[in-house]
């Protein structure tokens, strides 16, 4: 009987300690995508990346048109060429086609790199603001409201306005329709 009391007392002390520790826990959630979208820098980033994409697309079209012209020239003169000259021209055209395809792939990689380069300072600013707000408001954990398409946090109090606090820290007003 004494062992049972000791075990129950130990369990009670453990539970009380756990409850006391859990009271220090403050979890927040925020919508990073919304904050990023509302950042004033995003308008310029959108314009810059659109210009960059247009430049890449123009270059791709120029290379593709050049390739098509060479194919048409080959098709028009192929009948008058020797077998050896046709084979050489076909190999040249295949090489050129591979170069155009590689340029398209490189352009996509370059676009992604440029986008990341443009977004990095804004992301850093947002994450620094999130960290500052979390520290100022004694949050122990902050989760992103969404991860892909599924929410990370399944329940939170309605009065938890962490996103609004971060936006206020950044000096950005949230549109009325989203509050």
N, C-alpha and C. Protein backbone atom coordinates (compact mmCIF):
# COMPACT_ATOMS: atom_id res chain seq x y z
N UNK A 1 0.82 -1.19 0.00
CA UNK A 1 0.00 0.00 0.00
C UNK A 1 0.87 1.25 0.00
N UNK A 2 1.97 1.22 0.73
CA UNK A 2 2.86 2.36 0.79
C UNK A 2 3.50 2.62 -0.57
N UNK A 3 3.84 1.53 -1.30
CA UNK A 3 4.44 1.68 -2.63
C UNK A 3 3.46 2.34 -3.59
N UNK A 4 2.19 2.00 -3.48
CA UNK A 4 1.17 2.57 -4.34
C UNK A 4 1.06 4.06 -4.09
N UNK A 5 1.08 4.48 -2.82
CA UNK A 5 1.01 5.91 -2.50
C UNK A 5 2.22 6.65 -3.04
N UNK A 6 3.39 6.05 -2.92
CA UNK A 6 4.61 6.67 -3.41
C UNK A 6 4.54 6.82 -4.93
N UNK A 7 4.10 5.78 -5.61
CA UNK A 7 3.99 5.82 -7.08
C UNK A 7 2.96 6.86 -7.50
N UNK A 8 1.80 6.88 -6.85
CA UNK A 8 0.77 7.87 -7.18
C UNK A 8 1.25 9.29 -6.89
N UNK A 9 1.99 9.46 -5.81
CA UNK A 9 2.53 10.79 -5.50
C UNK A 9 3.54 11.22 -6.56
N UNK A 10 4.36 10.31 -7.00
CA UNK A 10 5.36 10.61 -8.04
C UNK A 10 4.66 10.98 -9.35
N UNK A 11 3.62 10.24 -9.69
CA UNK A 11 2.86 10.53 -10.91
C UNK A 11 2.18 11.90 -10.79
N UNK A 12 1.62 12.20 -9.64
CA UNK A 12 0.96 13.49 -9.44
C UNK A 12 1.97 14.63 -9.56
N UNK A 13 3.13 14.47 -8.93
CA UNK A 13 4.16 15.50 -9.04
C UNK A 13 4.62 15.68 -10.49
N UNK A 14 4.76 14.57 -11.18
CA UNK A 14 5.16 14.63 -12.59
C UNK A 14 4.11 15.38 -13.42
N UNK A 15 2.84 15.07 -13.20
CA UNK A 15 1.75 15.72 -13.94
C UNK A 15 1.68 17.21 -13.61
N UNK A 16 1.83 17.55 -12.34
CA UNK A 16 1.80 18.96 -11.95
C UNK A 16 2.95 19.71 -12.61
N UNK A 17 4.12 19.08 -12.62
CA UNK A 17 5.27 19.70 -13.29
C UNK A 17 5.04 19.87 -14.78
N UNK A 18 4.40 18.89 -15.40
CA UNK A 18 4.11 18.96 -16.83
C UNK A 18 3.09 20.06 -17.12
N UNK A 19 2.06 20.16 -16.28
CA UNK A 19 1.05 21.20 -16.47
C UNK A 19 1.68 22.57 -16.28
N UNK A 20 2.52 22.71 -15.27
CA UNK A 20 3.18 24.00 -15.03
C UNK A 20 4.07 24.37 -16.21
N UNK A 21 4.76 23.39 -16.75
CA UNK A 21 5.62 23.64 -17.90
C UNK A 21 4.79 23.98 -19.13
N UNK A 22 3.66 23.31 -19.32
CA UNK A 22 2.80 23.55 -20.49
C UNK A 22 2.20 24.94 -20.46
N UNK A 23 2.03 25.53 -19.28
CA UNK A 23 1.48 26.87 -19.19
C UNK A 23 2.43 27.90 -19.77
N UNK A 24 3.73 27.61 -19.84
CA UNK A 24 4.70 28.52 -20.42
C UNK A 24 4.70 28.44 -21.95
N UNK A 25 4.03 27.47 -22.47
CA UNK A 25 4.00 27.25 -23.91
C UNK A 25 3.05 28.24 -24.58
N UNK A 26 3.53 28.96 -25.57
CA UNK A 26 2.69 29.88 -26.32
C UNK A 26 2.98 29.64 -27.80
N UNK A 27 1.97 29.17 -28.50
CA UNK A 27 2.13 28.81 -29.90
C UNK A 27 1.42 29.84 -30.76
N UNK A 28 2.08 30.27 -31.81
CA UNK A 28 1.49 31.20 -32.76
C UNK A 28 1.49 30.60 -34.15
N UNK A 29 0.66 31.14 -34.99
CA UNK A 29 0.66 30.72 -36.38
C UNK A 29 0.61 31.96 -37.24
N UNK A 30 1.18 31.85 -38.42
CA UNK A 30 1.22 33.00 -39.31
C UNK A 30 1.12 32.53 -40.75
N UNK A 31 0.70 33.42 -41.59
CA UNK A 31 0.58 33.13 -43.01
C UNK A 31 1.71 33.85 -43.73
N UNK A 32 2.82 33.16 -43.94
CA UNK A 32 4.00 33.75 -44.55
C UNK A 32 3.70 34.21 -45.97
N UNK A 33 2.92 33.44 -46.71
CA UNK A 33 2.57 33.82 -48.08
C UNK A 33 1.83 35.15 -48.13
N UNK A 34 0.90 35.34 -47.22
CA UNK A 34 0.15 36.60 -47.16
C UNK A 34 1.09 37.76 -46.85
N UNK A 35 1.95 37.57 -45.87
CA UNK A 35 2.89 38.62 -45.50
C UNK A 35 3.78 38.97 -46.68
N UNK A 36 4.31 37.94 -47.34
CA UNK A 36 5.18 38.18 -48.50
C UNK A 36 4.42 38.93 -49.60
N UNK A 37 3.19 38.51 -49.87
CA UNK A 37 2.39 39.15 -50.93
C UNK A 37 2.13 40.62 -50.62
N UNK A 38 2.02 40.98 -49.35
CA UNK A 38 1.70 42.35 -48.97
C UNK A 38 2.94 43.24 -48.82
N UNK A 39 4.10 42.66 -48.91
CA UNK A 39 5.33 43.46 -48.80
C UNK A 39 5.42 44.41 -49.99
N UNK A 40 5.74 45.68 -49.77
CA UNK A 40 5.80 46.65 -50.87
C UNK A 40 6.84 46.26 -51.93
N UNK A 41 7.90 45.58 -51.52
CA UNK A 41 8.96 45.19 -52.45
C UNK A 41 8.48 44.19 -53.51
N UNK A 42 7.40 43.47 -53.21
CA UNK A 42 6.95 42.41 -54.10
C UNK A 42 6.48 42.94 -55.45
N UNK A 43 5.94 44.15 -55.48
CA UNK A 43 5.49 44.72 -56.74
C UNK A 43 6.68 44.92 -57.68
N UNK A 44 7.76 45.46 -57.15
CA UNK A 44 8.97 45.67 -57.98
C UNK A 44 9.59 44.33 -58.38
N UNK A 45 9.59 43.39 -57.45
CA UNK A 45 10.14 42.07 -57.76
C UNK A 45 9.33 41.43 -58.88
N UNK A 46 8.01 41.55 -58.82
CA UNK A 46 7.16 41.01 -59.88
C UNK A 46 7.48 41.62 -61.23
N UNK A 47 7.67 42.94 -61.25
CA UNK A 47 8.00 43.62 -62.50
C UNK A 47 9.38 43.20 -63.00
N UNK A 48 10.34 43.12 -62.09
CA UNK A 48 11.71 42.73 -62.47
C UNK A 48 11.75 41.31 -63.03
N UNK A 49 11.05 40.40 -62.37
CA UNK A 49 11.11 39.00 -62.82
C UNK A 49 10.35 38.84 -64.14
N UNK A 50 9.30 39.65 -64.33
CA UNK A 50 8.56 39.61 -65.60
C UNK A 50 9.46 40.10 -66.74
N UNK A 51 10.21 41.18 -66.49
CA UNK A 51 11.15 41.69 -67.50
C UNK A 51 12.21 40.64 -67.82
N UNK A 52 12.73 40.02 -66.79
CA UNK A 52 13.77 39.01 -66.98
C UNK A 52 13.23 37.83 -67.78
N UNK A 53 12.02 37.41 -67.44
CA UNK A 53 11.39 36.30 -68.17
C UNK A 53 11.16 36.68 -69.63
N UNK A 54 10.77 37.91 -69.89
CA UNK A 54 10.57 38.37 -71.27
C UNK A 54 11.88 38.34 -72.05
N UNK A 55 12.95 38.77 -71.41
CA UNK A 55 14.26 38.73 -72.07
C UNK A 55 14.65 37.30 -72.41
N UNK A 56 14.47 36.40 -71.46
CA UNK A 56 14.80 34.99 -71.71
C UNK A 56 13.94 34.43 -72.84
N UNK A 57 12.65 34.75 -72.81
CA UNK A 57 11.73 34.24 -73.83
C UNK A 57 12.10 34.79 -75.20
N UNK A 58 12.48 36.05 -75.28
CA UNK A 58 12.90 36.65 -76.55
C UNK A 58 14.14 35.94 -77.08
N UNK A 59 15.10 35.68 -76.21
CA UNK A 59 16.31 34.97 -76.62
C UNK A 59 16.00 33.56 -77.11
N UNK A 60 15.11 32.88 -76.42
CA UNK A 60 14.72 31.52 -76.83
C UNK A 60 14.05 31.57 -78.19
N UNK A 61 13.13 32.52 -78.39
CA UNK A 61 12.44 32.64 -79.67
C UNK A 61 13.42 32.96 -80.80
N UNK A 62 14.40 33.83 -80.54
CA UNK A 62 15.39 34.17 -81.55
C UNK A 62 16.19 32.94 -81.95
N UNK A 63 16.63 32.17 -80.96
CA UNK A 63 17.39 30.96 -81.25
C UNK A 63 16.53 29.93 -82.00
N UNK A 64 15.27 29.80 -81.60
CA UNK A 64 14.38 28.85 -82.27
C UNK A 64 14.10 29.28 -83.71
N UNK A 65 13.91 30.57 -83.94
CA UNK A 65 13.68 31.08 -85.30
C UNK A 65 14.92 30.88 -86.16
N UNK A 66 16.08 31.12 -85.60
CA UNK A 66 17.33 30.91 -86.33
C UNK A 66 17.45 29.44 -86.73
N UNK A 67 17.12 28.56 -85.80
CA UNK A 67 17.16 27.12 -86.09
C UNK A 67 16.17 26.78 -87.21
N UNK A 68 14.97 27.31 -87.14
CA UNK A 68 13.96 27.03 -88.16
C UNK A 68 14.40 27.53 -89.54
N UNK A 69 15.03 28.70 -89.58
CA UNK A 69 15.54 29.22 -90.86
C UNK A 69 16.59 28.28 -91.45
N UNK A 70 17.46 27.78 -90.60
CA UNK A 70 18.49 26.86 -91.07
C UNK A 70 17.89 25.54 -91.55
N UNK A 71 16.83 25.09 -90.87
CA UNK A 71 16.15 23.87 -91.32
C UNK A 71 15.51 24.11 -92.68
N UNK A 72 14.85 25.25 -92.85
CA UNK A 72 14.21 25.57 -94.14
C UNK A 72 15.25 25.68 -95.25
N UNK A 73 16.36 26.31 -94.96
CA UNK A 73 17.44 26.43 -95.95
C UNK A 73 17.94 25.04 -96.34
N UNK A 74 18.10 24.20 -95.35
CA UNK A 74 18.55 22.83 -95.63
C UNK A 74 17.53 22.10 -96.49
N UNK A 75 16.26 22.20 -96.13
CA UNK A 75 15.22 21.50 -96.89
C UNK A 75 15.17 21.96 -98.34
N UNK A 76 15.41 23.24 -98.57
CA UNK A 76 15.38 23.77 -99.94
C UNK A 76 16.59 23.32 -100.76
N UNK A 77 17.72 23.17 -100.09
CA UNK A 77 18.93 22.84 -100.83
C UNK A 77 19.35 21.39 -100.70
N UNK A 78 18.63 20.58 -99.94
CA UNK A 78 19.02 19.19 -99.69
C UNK A 78 19.08 18.37 -100.97
N UNK A 79 18.20 18.64 -101.91
CA UNK A 79 18.16 17.83 -103.14
C UNK A 79 19.40 18.05 -104.00
N UNK A 80 20.00 19.20 -103.89
CA UNK A 80 21.18 19.49 -104.72
C UNK A 80 22.49 19.12 -104.01
N UNK A 81 22.41 18.72 -102.76
CA UNK A 81 23.61 18.38 -101.99
C UNK A 81 24.02 16.93 -102.22
N UNK A 82 25.29 16.69 -102.00
CA UNK A 82 25.76 15.30 -102.04
C UNK A 82 25.31 14.62 -100.74
N UNK A 83 25.35 13.32 -100.75
CA UNK A 83 24.96 12.54 -99.56
C UNK A 83 25.82 12.93 -98.36
N UNK A 84 27.08 13.12 -98.60
CA UNK A 84 28.02 13.49 -97.54
C UNK A 84 27.68 14.87 -96.97
N UNK A 85 27.38 15.81 -97.84
CA UNK A 85 27.03 17.17 -97.40
C UNK A 85 25.71 17.17 -96.64
N UNK A 86 24.74 16.37 -97.09
CA UNK A 86 23.45 16.27 -96.38
C UNK A 86 23.67 15.71 -94.97
N UNK A 87 24.45 14.65 -94.87
CA UNK A 87 24.72 14.04 -93.55
C UNK A 87 25.40 15.05 -92.62
N UNK A 88 26.34 15.79 -93.14
CA UNK A 88 27.03 16.80 -92.33
C UNK A 88 26.05 17.88 -91.88
N UNK A 89 25.19 18.31 -92.80
CA UNK A 89 24.22 19.36 -92.47
C UNK A 89 23.20 18.84 -91.45
N UNK A 90 22.76 17.60 -91.58
CA UNK A 90 21.82 17.01 -90.63
C UNK A 90 22.45 16.96 -89.24
N UNK A 91 23.70 16.55 -89.17
CA UNK A 91 24.40 16.51 -87.87
C UNK A 91 24.53 17.91 -87.28
N UNK A 92 24.82 18.89 -88.14
CA UNK A 92 24.92 20.27 -87.68
C UNK A 92 23.58 20.77 -87.14
N UNK A 93 22.51 20.42 -87.84
CA UNK A 93 21.17 20.83 -87.39
C UNK A 93 20.77 20.13 -86.09
N UNK A 94 21.12 18.88 -85.94
CA UNK A 94 20.82 18.15 -84.70
C UNK A 94 21.58 18.78 -83.53
N UNK A 95 22.84 19.14 -83.78
CA UNK A 95 23.63 19.78 -82.74
C UNK A 95 23.01 21.12 -82.37
N UNK A 96 22.59 21.88 -83.37
CA UNK A 96 21.97 23.18 -83.12
C UNK A 96 20.65 23.01 -82.35
N UNK A 97 19.88 21.99 -82.70
CA UNK A 97 18.63 21.74 -81.98
C UNK A 97 18.90 21.39 -80.51
N UNK A 98 19.94 20.62 -80.25
CA UNK A 98 20.31 20.29 -78.87
C UNK A 98 20.74 21.54 -78.12
N UNK A 99 21.45 22.44 -78.81
CA UNK A 99 21.87 23.69 -78.18
C UNK A 99 20.66 24.55 -77.81
N UNK A 100 19.66 24.59 -78.68
CA UNK A 100 18.44 25.36 -78.39
C UNK A 100 17.73 24.76 -77.18
N UNK A 101 17.62 23.44 -77.14
CA UNK A 101 16.97 22.78 -76.00
C UNK A 101 17.75 23.02 -74.71
N UNK A 102 19.07 22.96 -74.78
CA UNK A 102 19.89 23.22 -73.59
C UNK A 102 19.72 24.66 -73.15
N UNK A 103 19.65 25.59 -74.09
CA UNK A 103 19.46 26.99 -73.75
C UNK A 103 18.11 27.18 -73.02
N UNK A 104 17.08 26.49 -73.48
CA UNK A 104 15.77 26.57 -72.82
C UNK A 104 15.86 26.07 -71.38
N UNK A 105 16.55 24.96 -71.19
CA UNK A 105 16.72 24.42 -69.83
C UNK A 105 17.53 25.37 -68.96
N UNK A 106 18.61 25.90 -69.53
CA UNK A 106 19.45 26.85 -68.79
C UNK A 106 18.66 28.12 -68.45
N UNK A 107 17.80 28.54 -69.37
CA UNK A 107 16.99 29.74 -69.12
C UNK A 107 16.03 29.50 -67.95
N UNK A 108 15.46 28.31 -67.87
CA UNK A 108 14.56 27.98 -66.76
C UNK A 108 15.32 28.00 -65.43
N UNK A 109 16.50 27.42 -65.44
CA UNK A 109 17.34 27.42 -64.23
C UNK A 109 17.72 28.84 -63.86
N UNK A 110 18.09 29.63 -64.85
CA UNK A 110 18.47 31.02 -64.62
C UNK A 110 17.29 31.81 -64.06
N UNK A 111 16.08 31.56 -64.56
CA UNK A 111 14.88 32.23 -64.07
C UNK A 111 14.66 31.90 -62.59
N UNK A 112 14.76 30.62 -62.24
CA UNK A 112 14.56 30.20 -60.85
C UNK A 112 15.62 30.83 -59.94
N UNK A 113 16.87 30.87 -60.41
CA UNK A 113 17.94 31.47 -59.62
C UNK A 113 17.69 32.96 -59.42
N UNK A 114 17.27 33.65 -60.47
CA UNK A 114 17.00 35.10 -60.39
C UNK A 114 15.84 35.37 -59.44
N UNK A 115 14.79 34.56 -59.53
CA UNK A 115 13.64 34.73 -58.64
C UNK A 115 14.06 34.56 -57.18
N UNK A 116 14.84 33.53 -56.91
CA UNK A 116 15.31 33.30 -55.54
C UNK A 116 16.19 34.45 -55.07
N UNK A 117 17.03 34.95 -55.96
CA UNK A 117 17.90 36.07 -55.63
C UNK A 117 17.09 37.32 -55.28
N UNK A 118 16.02 37.56 -56.02
CA UNK A 118 15.18 38.73 -55.76
C UNK A 118 14.35 38.56 -54.48
N UNK A 119 13.91 37.34 -54.20
CA UNK A 119 13.05 37.10 -53.04
C UNK A 119 13.82 37.00 -51.72
N UNK A 120 15.07 36.63 -51.81
CA UNK A 120 15.85 36.37 -50.59
C UNK A 120 15.84 37.53 -49.59
N UNK A 121 16.09 38.78 -50.00
CA UNK A 121 16.08 39.87 -49.01
C UNK A 121 14.70 40.07 -48.36
N UNK A 122 13.64 39.88 -49.13
CA UNK A 122 12.29 40.04 -48.59
C UNK A 122 11.99 38.91 -47.61
N UNK A 123 12.36 37.70 -47.98
CA UNK A 123 12.15 36.56 -47.08
C UNK A 123 12.90 36.76 -45.77
N UNK A 124 14.13 37.24 -45.87
CA UNK A 124 14.93 37.48 -44.67
C UNK A 124 14.26 38.54 -43.79
N UNK A 125 13.75 39.61 -44.41
CA UNK A 125 13.09 40.67 -43.67
C UNK A 125 11.84 40.13 -42.96
N UNK A 126 11.06 39.32 -43.65
CA UNK A 126 9.84 38.74 -43.06
C UNK A 126 10.21 37.81 -41.91
N UNK A 127 11.19 36.93 -42.11
CA UNK A 127 11.55 36.00 -41.05
C UNK A 127 12.17 36.71 -39.85
N UNK A 128 12.92 37.78 -40.09
CA UNK A 128 13.44 38.58 -38.97
C UNK A 128 12.30 39.22 -38.19
N UNK A 129 11.27 39.72 -38.91
CA UNK A 129 10.11 40.31 -38.24
C UNK A 129 9.34 39.26 -37.45
N UNK A 130 9.20 38.06 -38.01
CA UNK A 130 8.51 36.97 -37.31
C UNK A 130 9.27 36.64 -36.02
N UNK A 131 10.58 36.53 -36.12
CA UNK A 131 11.39 36.23 -34.93
C UNK A 131 11.27 37.34 -33.88
N UNK A 132 11.28 38.59 -34.32
CA UNK A 132 11.18 39.71 -33.39
C UNK A 132 9.82 39.72 -32.69
N UNK A 133 8.75 39.53 -33.47
CA UNK A 133 7.40 39.53 -32.89
C UNK A 133 7.26 38.35 -31.92
N UNK A 134 7.78 37.20 -32.29
CA UNK A 134 7.70 36.03 -31.41
C UNK A 134 8.42 36.31 -30.09
N UNK A 135 9.59 36.92 -30.16
CA UNK A 135 10.35 37.21 -28.94
C UNK A 135 9.64 38.27 -28.10
N UNK A 136 9.13 39.34 -28.74
CA UNK A 136 8.45 40.42 -28.02
C UNK A 136 7.17 39.96 -27.35
N UNK A 137 6.50 38.97 -27.92
CA UNK A 137 5.21 38.51 -27.41
C UNK A 137 5.29 37.16 -26.70
N UNK A 138 6.49 36.73 -26.39
CA UNK A 138 6.74 35.51 -25.62
C UNK A 138 6.16 34.24 -26.25
N UNK A 139 6.19 34.15 -27.55
CA UNK A 139 5.78 32.91 -28.21
C UNK A 139 6.92 31.91 -28.08
N UNK A 140 6.56 30.66 -27.83
CA UNK A 140 7.58 29.62 -27.77
C UNK A 140 7.69 28.89 -29.10
N UNK A 141 6.61 28.86 -29.85
CA UNK A 141 6.61 28.20 -31.16
C UNK A 141 5.72 29.01 -32.11
N UNK A 142 6.14 29.10 -33.36
CA UNK A 142 5.33 29.75 -34.38
C UNK A 142 5.35 28.84 -35.59
N UNK A 143 4.19 28.55 -36.08
CA UNK A 143 4.07 27.67 -37.24
C UNK A 143 3.54 28.46 -38.43
N UNK A 144 3.92 28.00 -39.60
CA UNK A 144 3.34 28.57 -40.81
C UNK A 144 1.93 28.02 -40.93
N UNK A 145 1.01 28.90 -41.30
CA UNK A 145 -0.40 28.50 -41.39
C UNK A 145 -0.59 27.41 -42.44
N UNK A 146 0.21 27.44 -43.49
CA UNK A 146 0.09 26.43 -44.53
C UNK A 146 1.46 25.87 -44.84
N UNK A 147 1.47 24.62 -45.18
CA UNK A 147 2.68 23.96 -45.68
C UNK A 147 2.23 23.20 -46.91
N UNK A 148 2.49 23.74 -48.07
CA UNK A 148 1.92 23.17 -49.27
C UNK A 148 0.46 23.52 -49.28
N UNK A 149 -0.40 22.54 -49.30
CA UNK A 149 -1.84 22.77 -49.32
C UNK A 149 -2.52 22.46 -48.00
N UNK A 150 -1.81 21.86 -47.06
CA UNK A 150 -2.43 21.45 -45.80
C UNK A 150 -1.95 22.34 -44.66
N UNK A 151 -2.86 22.75 -43.78
CA UNK A 151 -2.44 23.56 -42.64
C UNK A 151 -1.56 22.75 -41.70
N UNK A 152 -0.56 23.41 -41.12
CA UNK A 152 0.33 22.75 -40.17
C UNK A 152 -0.35 22.65 -38.82
N UNK A 153 -1.08 23.67 -38.44
CA UNK A 153 -1.71 23.71 -37.13
C UNK A 153 -3.21 23.48 -37.31
N UNK A 154 -3.75 22.52 -36.59
CA UNK A 154 -5.16 22.17 -36.76
C UNK A 154 -6.09 23.00 -35.90
N UNK A 155 -5.60 23.54 -34.81
CA UNK A 155 -6.44 24.35 -33.92
C UNK A 155 -5.63 25.48 -33.34
N UNK A 156 -6.25 26.63 -33.26
CA UNK A 156 -5.67 27.77 -32.57
C UNK A 156 -6.80 28.69 -32.15
N UNK A 157 -6.57 29.48 -31.14
CA UNK A 157 -7.61 30.42 -30.70
C UNK A 157 -7.83 31.46 -31.79
N UNK A 158 -9.07 31.91 -31.92
CA UNK A 158 -9.39 32.93 -32.91
C UNK A 158 -8.75 34.27 -32.60
N UNK A 159 -8.45 34.52 -31.34
CA UNK A 159 -7.87 35.82 -30.98
C UNK A 159 -6.36 35.87 -31.16
N UNK A 160 -5.76 34.81 -31.69
CA UNK A 160 -4.33 34.79 -31.96
C UNK A 160 -4.09 35.47 -33.31
N UNK A 161 -3.56 36.67 -33.26
CA UNK A 161 -3.38 37.50 -34.46
C UNK A 161 -1.91 37.69 -34.79
N UNK A 162 -1.15 36.62 -34.82
CA UNK A 162 0.28 36.72 -35.03
C UNK A 162 0.62 37.35 -36.39
N UNK A 163 -0.09 36.96 -37.44
CA UNK A 163 0.16 37.52 -38.77
C UNK A 163 -0.02 39.03 -38.74
N UNK A 164 -1.07 39.49 -38.07
CA UNK A 164 -1.32 40.93 -37.99
C UNK A 164 -0.22 41.64 -37.22
N UNK A 165 0.31 40.99 -36.17
CA UNK A 165 1.41 41.58 -35.40
C UNK A 165 2.67 41.72 -36.26
N UNK A 166 2.96 40.70 -37.08
CA UNK A 166 4.13 40.77 -37.96
C UNK A 166 3.94 41.87 -38.99
N UNK A 167 2.75 41.95 -39.58
CA UNK A 167 2.48 43.00 -40.57
C UNK A 167 2.62 44.39 -39.93
N UNK A 168 2.13 44.54 -38.70
CA UNK A 168 2.27 45.81 -38.00
C UNK A 168 3.74 46.13 -37.75
N UNK A 169 4.52 45.11 -37.40
CA UNK A 169 5.96 45.30 -37.18
C UNK A 169 6.64 45.79 -38.46
N UNK A 170 6.15 45.31 -39.60
CA UNK A 170 6.71 45.72 -40.89
C UNK A 170 6.09 47.02 -41.40
N UNK A 171 5.10 47.54 -40.68
CA UNK A 171 4.44 48.78 -41.09
C UNK A 171 3.49 48.60 -42.26
N UNK A 172 2.90 47.42 -42.38
CA UNK A 172 1.99 47.12 -43.49
C UNK A 172 0.60 46.93 -42.94
N UNK A 173 -0.37 47.56 -43.58
CA UNK A 173 -1.77 47.39 -43.18
C UNK A 173 -2.35 46.21 -43.94
N UNK A 174 -3.08 45.37 -43.24
CA UNK A 174 -3.73 44.23 -43.88
C UNK A 174 -5.03 44.73 -44.51
N UNK A 175 -5.31 44.29 -45.72
CA UNK A 175 -6.57 44.72 -46.35
C UNK A 175 -7.78 44.30 -45.52
N UNK A 176 -8.82 45.10 -45.51
CA UNK A 176 -10.00 44.85 -44.67
C UNK A 176 -10.65 43.51 -44.97
N UNK A 177 -10.63 43.08 -46.22
CA UNK A 177 -11.30 41.83 -46.59
C UNK A 177 -10.62 40.60 -46.00
N UNK A 178 -9.37 40.72 -45.55
CA UNK A 178 -8.64 39.56 -45.07
C UNK A 178 -8.54 39.50 -43.56
N UNK A 179 -9.08 40.47 -42.85
CA UNK A 179 -8.97 40.47 -41.40
C UNK A 179 -9.99 39.54 -40.79
